[in-house]
């Protein structure tokens, strides 16, 4: 589903009204002719489209991040797919005040980059990675990854953000990322590794085991690259569940 198929950002338009529009063949902003809904709602839709169309042409993801209800922000992905950045962090624990970020991986397009503590993981390099993104995607990143990075590196990460944990729950996919991957058939090279192993591997690396760092980086990269596959599956499923018409 694309942004221009959506009417739900308009004040007074809920899921039922949006679906009624679609069922009457109004599946795109260009199809809207003022029919199906009342005069006030029709005016609001027309005003929204007049403002939103040039914003979309300009690639203004922030505008749509603010316009869409939080549970519907997955709809931004198709329009901003090429400038979406998937990311995941590994840490030595759950408390940003006492624990450290060890690796952070970013995946966009065909490129994957991993930053490592003590090497190239700094506030500046994190800003460089987030800066080009119109949309970022994580799993539980709103509650964990983003606050952890912001506190650890004195950052503000305000890029439009889809946390896949929530649309996954909407589809009945619960548990952590590894469980969700298993449920949808995404395979890993090392399915035996977990977050606890990530802590252990970092400690081994600190004691001089370079191979442990290689394994940790590979694990972090799997987490991140698999987010793209999961995002594609989730948005396709939500499209099929939500949309009436042909996108």
Protein backbone atom coordinates (compact mmCIF):
# COMPACT_ATOMS: atom_id res chain seq x y z
CA UNK A 1 0.00 0.00 0.00
CA UNK A 2 1.19 3.47 -0.85
CA UNK A 3 0.57 6.73 0.96
CA UNK A 4 -1.63 8.03 -1.84
CA UNK A 5 -4.04 5.12 -1.32
CA UNK A 6 -4.66 6.37 2.21
CA UNK A 7 -7.35 8.68 3.56
CA UNK A 8 -6.96 7.81 7.23
CA UNK A 9 -4.64 10.77 7.99
CA UNK A 10 -7.59 13.10 7.42
CA UNK A 11 -9.31 14.38 10.56
CA UNK A 12 -12.61 12.58 10.98
CA UNK A 13 -11.72 9.70 8.66
CA UNK A 14 -11.37 6.39 10.46
CA UNK A 15 -10.87 2.87 9.19
CA UNK A 16 -14.56 2.39 8.35
CA UNK A 17 -14.82 5.58 6.30
CA UNK A 18 -11.58 4.85 4.50
CA UNK A 19 -12.77 1.36 3.66
CA UNK A 20 -16.08 2.72 2.39
CA UNK A 21 -14.20 5.05 0.05
CA UNK A 22 -12.16 2.14 -1.28
CA UNK A 23 -15.25 -0.02 -1.72
CA UNK A 24 -16.74 2.72 -3.90
CA UNK A 25 -13.66 2.71 -6.13
CA UNK A 26 -11.94 5.70 -4.53
CA UNK A 27 -8.63 3.93 -3.96
CA UNK A 28 -6.28 6.82 -4.75
CA UNK A 29 -6.23 10.53 -3.99
CA UNK A 30 -6.76 11.22 -7.70
CA UNK A 31 -10.04 9.27 -7.57
CA UNK A 32 -11.61 11.45 -4.89
CA UNK A 33 -14.54 13.47 -6.22
CA UNK A 34 -16.34 14.50 -3.05
CA UNK A 35 -18.86 11.68 -3.17
CA UNK A 36 -19.49 8.91 -0.61
CA UNK A 37 -18.77 11.11 2.44
CA UNK A 38 -20.47 14.17 3.88
CA UNK A 39 -19.68 17.74 2.94
CA UNK A 40 -17.40 18.48 5.90
CA UNK A 41 -15.39 15.28 5.48
CA UNK A 42 -15.16 15.84 1.73
CA UNK A 43 -13.75 19.31 2.32
CA UNK A 44 -11.20 17.98 4.80
CA UNK A 45 -10.10 15.25 2.40
CA UNK A 46 -9.70 17.74 -0.44
CA UNK A 47 -7.68 20.09 1.78
CA UNK A 48 -5.48 17.23 2.96
CA UNK A 49 -4.78 16.03 -0.56
CA UNK A 50 -3.97 19.57 -1.69
CA UNK A 51 -1.36 19.82 1.07
CA UNK A 52 -0.12 16.23 1.01
CA UNK A 53 0.44 15.77 -2.73
CA UNK A 54 3.28 18.32 -3.01
CA UNK A 55 4.73 17.06 0.29
CA UNK A 56 4.85 13.57 -1.16
CA UNK A 57 6.41 14.84 -4.37
CA UNK A 58 9.09 16.52 -2.24
CA UNK A 59 9.75 13.29 -0.31
CA UNK A 60 8.69 14.82 3.01
CA UNK A 61 8.48 11.70 5.17
CA UNK A 62 8.25 13.74 8.37
CA UNK A 63 4.98 15.28 7.25
CA UNK A 64 3.40 11.86 6.80
CA UNK A 65 4.96 10.51 9.98
CA UNK A 66 3.00 13.20 11.81
CA UNK A 67 -0.15 12.79 9.74
CA UNK A 68 -0.65 9.03 10.00
CA UNK A 69 -1.89 7.30 13.16
CA UNK A 70 1.03 5.46 14.76
CA UNK A 71 -0.35 2.00 13.97
CA UNK A 72 -0.65 2.91 10.28
CA UNK A 73 2.84 4.31 9.72
CA UNK A 74 3.86 1.06 8.05
CA UNK A 75 2.13 2.55 5.00
CA UNK A 76 5.06 4.96 4.54
CA UNK A 77 7.40 2.12 3.63
CA UNK A 78 6.44 1.57 0.00
CA UNK A 79 6.94 5.23 -0.86
CA UNK A 80 10.21 5.56 1.06
CA UNK A 81 11.59 2.06 0.54
CA UNK A 82 14.74 3.26 -1.24
CA UNK A 83 15.67 5.63 1.59
CA UNK A 84 14.72 3.32 4.46
CA UNK A 85 17.45 2.36 6.92
CA UNK A 86 17.13 -0.82 8.98
CA UNK A 87 19.15 -0.88 12.19
CA UNK A 88 19.84 -2.98 15.27
CA UNK A 89 22.15 -2.70 18.27
CA UNK A 90 23.93 -5.11 20.57
CA UNK A 91 24.72 -4.19 24.17
CA UNK A 92 26.28 -5.61 27.31
CA UNK A 93 22.97 -5.38 29.16
CA UNK A 94 19.57 -3.75 29.32
CA UNK A 95 20.37 -0.60 31.32
CA UNK A 96 21.88 2.26 29.31
CA UNK A 97 23.11 3.89 32.52
CA UNK A 98 25.28 0.89 33.40
CA UNK A 99 25.83 -1.02 30.17
CA UNK A 100 27.46 -0.29 26.83
CA UNK A 101 26.55 -0.48 23.17
CA UNK A 102 28.97 -2.91 21.53
CA UNK A 103 27.90 -2.95 17.87
CA UNK A 104 25.35 -1.15 15.73
CA UNK A 105 24.45 -2.35 12.25
CA UNK A 106 22.71 -0.36 9.51
CA UNK A 107 21.27 -1.83 6.32
CA UNK A 108 20.06 0.26 3.39
CA UNK A 109 19.79 -0.75 -0.23
CA UNK A 110 22.44 -3.39 -0.85
CA UNK A 111 24.84 -2.02 1.76
CA UNK A 112 25.33 -3.14 5.36
CA UNK A 113 27.58 -1.24 7.78
CA UNK A 114 28.53 -2.30 11.30
CA UNK A 115 30.04 0.11 13.82
CA UNK A 116 32.06 -1.38 16.68
CA UNK A 117 32.80 0.04 20.12
CA UNK A 118 36.42 1.12 20.43
CA UNK A 119 36.81 1.35 16.67
CA UNK A 120 34.32 3.43 14.69
CA UNK A 121 31.25 3.55 16.94
CA UNK A 122 30.90 7.22 17.89
CA UNK A 123 28.17 9.83 18.08
CA UNK A 124 29.45 11.32 14.83
CA UNK A 125 29.37 8.05 12.89
CA UNK A 126 25.91 7.26 14.22
CA UNK A 127 24.65 10.64 13.03
CA UNK A 128 26.21 9.99 9.62
CA UNK A 129 24.34 6.70 9.32
CA UNK A 130 20.95 8.05 10.38
CA UNK A 131 21.18 11.34 8.47
CA UNK A 132 20.35 10.12 4.92
CA UNK A 133 17.36 8.04 6.02
CA UNK A 134 13.80 9.18 5.40
CA UNK A 135 12.51 6.22 7.41
CA UNK A 136 14.14 3.91 9.95
CA UNK A 137 12.97 0.41 10.83
CA UNK A 138 13.76 -1.60 13.94
CA UNK A 139 12.34 -4.36 16.12
CA UNK A 140 11.55 -3.06 19.61
CA UNK A 141 13.72 -0.07 18.73
CA UNK A 142 11.35 2.55 20.08
CA UNK A 143 11.54 1.10 23.57
CA UNK A 144 15.13 -0.15 23.53
CA UNK A 145 17.52 0.69 20.68
CA UNK A 146 16.71 4.37 20.22
CA UNK A 147 16.60 5.32 23.94
CA UNK A 148 19.79 3.32 24.55
CA UNK A 149 21.65 5.08 21.73
CA UNK A 150 20.34 8.50 22.70
CA UNK A 151 21.45 8.12 26.31
CA UNK A 152 24.77 6.46 25.51
CA UNK A 153 25.87 8.91 22.83
CA UNK A 154 23.93 12.07 23.71
CA UNK A 155 21.98 11.86 20.46
CA UNK A 156 18.52 12.84 19.32
CA UNK A 157 17.15 10.35 16.79
CA UNK A 158 14.02 11.90 15.34
CA UNK A 159 13.79 10.17 11.96
CA UNK A 160 10.33 8.73 11.17
CA UNK A 161 10.42 5.26 12.70
CA UNK A 162 8.52 2.03 12.14
CA UNK A 163 9.04 -0.38 15.02
CA UNK A 164 8.17 -3.75 13.49
CA UNK A 165 7.25 -5.29 16.83
CA UNK A 166 3.87 -3.54 16.73
CA UNK A 167 2.68 -4.39 13.19
CA UNK A 168 3.90 -7.94 13.86
CA UNK A 169 1.65 -8.14 16.91
CA UNK A 170 -1.22 -6.87 14.76
CA UNK A 171 -0.68 -9.94 12.57
CA UNK A 172 -0.54 -12.28 15.56
CA UNK A 173 3.26 -12.56 15.46
CA UNK A 174 4.46 -12.29 19.05
CA UNK A 175 7.70 -12.83 20.91
CA UNK A 176 11.17 -11.60 20.09
CA UNK A 177 12.67 -11.10 16.65
CA UNK A 178 14.09 -14.64 16.47
CA UNK A 179 10.70 -16.18 17.25
CA UNK A 180 8.94 -14.00 14.70
CA UNK A 181 11.54 -14.90 12.06
CA UNK A 182 10.98 -18.57 12.79
CA UNK A 183 7.20 -18.17 12.57
CA UNK A 184 7.38 -16.55 9.10
CA UNK A 185 10.12 -18.82 7.75
CA UNK A 186 13.15 -16.50 7.77
CA UNK A 187 16.30 -18.58 8.21
CA UNK A 188 19.62 -17.69 9.86
CA UNK A 189 23.15 -19.03 9.47
CA UNK A 190 23.43 -19.32 13.27
CA UNK A 191 19.94 -19.85 14.71
CA UNK A 192 21.54 -21.07 17.95
CA UNK A 193 22.78 -17.59 18.91
CA UNK A 194 20.78 -15.22 21.12
CA UNK A 195 21.14 -11.85 22.83
CA UNK A 196 22.85 -13.53 25.77
CA UNK A 197 25.41 -14.97 23.39
CA UNK A 198 26.01 -11.46 22.06
CA UNK A 199 27.09 -10.36 25.54
CA UNK A 200 29.28 -13.45 25.95
CA UNK A 201 30.91 -12.94 22.56
CA UNK A 202 31.77 -9.33 23.41
CA UNK A 203 33.37 -10.39 26.70
CA UNK A 204 35.41 -12.98 24.83
CA UNK A 205 36.53 -10.32 22.37
CA UNK A 206 37.59 -8.06 25.25
CA UNK A 207 39.81 -10.92 26.43
CA UNK A 208 41.51 -11.04 23.03
CA UNK A 209 39.35 -13.41 20.97
CA UNK A 210 39.01 -11.66 17.60
CA UNK A 211 36.96 -14.54 16.20
CA UNK A 212 34.31 -13.82 18.82
CA UNK A 213 33.93 -10.29 17.44
CA UNK A 214 33.52 -11.69 13.93
CA UNK A 215 30.71 -13.92 15.18
CA UNK A 216 29.08 -11.04 17.06
CA UNK A 217 29.18 -8.79 14.01
CA UNK A 218 27.72 -11.56 11.86
CA UNK A 219 24.92 -12.06 14.39
CA UNK A 220 24.16 -8.33 14.50
CA UNK A 221 24.15 -8.13 10.71
CA UNK A 222 21.71 -11.06 10.49
CA UNK A 223 19.40 -9.25 12.92
CA UNK A 224 19.49 -6.12 10.79
CA UNK A 225 19.33 -7.57 7.29
CA UNK A 226 16.46 -9.85 8.28
CA UNK A 227 14.47 -6.78 9.29
CA UNK A 228 14.19 -5.91 5.61
CA UNK A 229 12.79 -9.33 4.73
CA UNK A 230 10.40 -9.12 7.67
CA UNK A 231 9.29 -5.60 6.73
CA UNK A 232 8.49 -6.76 3.20
CA UNK A 233 6.45 -9.69 4.52
CA UNK A 234 4.62 -7.63 7.13
CA UNK A 235 3.68 -4.76 4.84
CA UNK A 236 2.45 -7.20 2.20
CA UNK A 237 0.31 -9.01 4.79
CA UNK A 238 -1.08 -5.77 6.20
CA UNK A 239 -1.83 -4.54 2.69
CA UNK A 240 -3.80 -7.71 1.96
CA UNK A 241 -5.62 -7.43 5.30
CA UNK A 242 -6.40 -3.72 5.03
CA UNK A 243 -6.74 -2.55 1.45
CA UNK A 244 -9.74 -2.88 -0.84
CA UNK A 245 -8.88 -2.32 -4.49
CA UNK A 246 -5.75 -2.51 -6.61
CA UNK A 247 -2.73 -0.51 -5.46
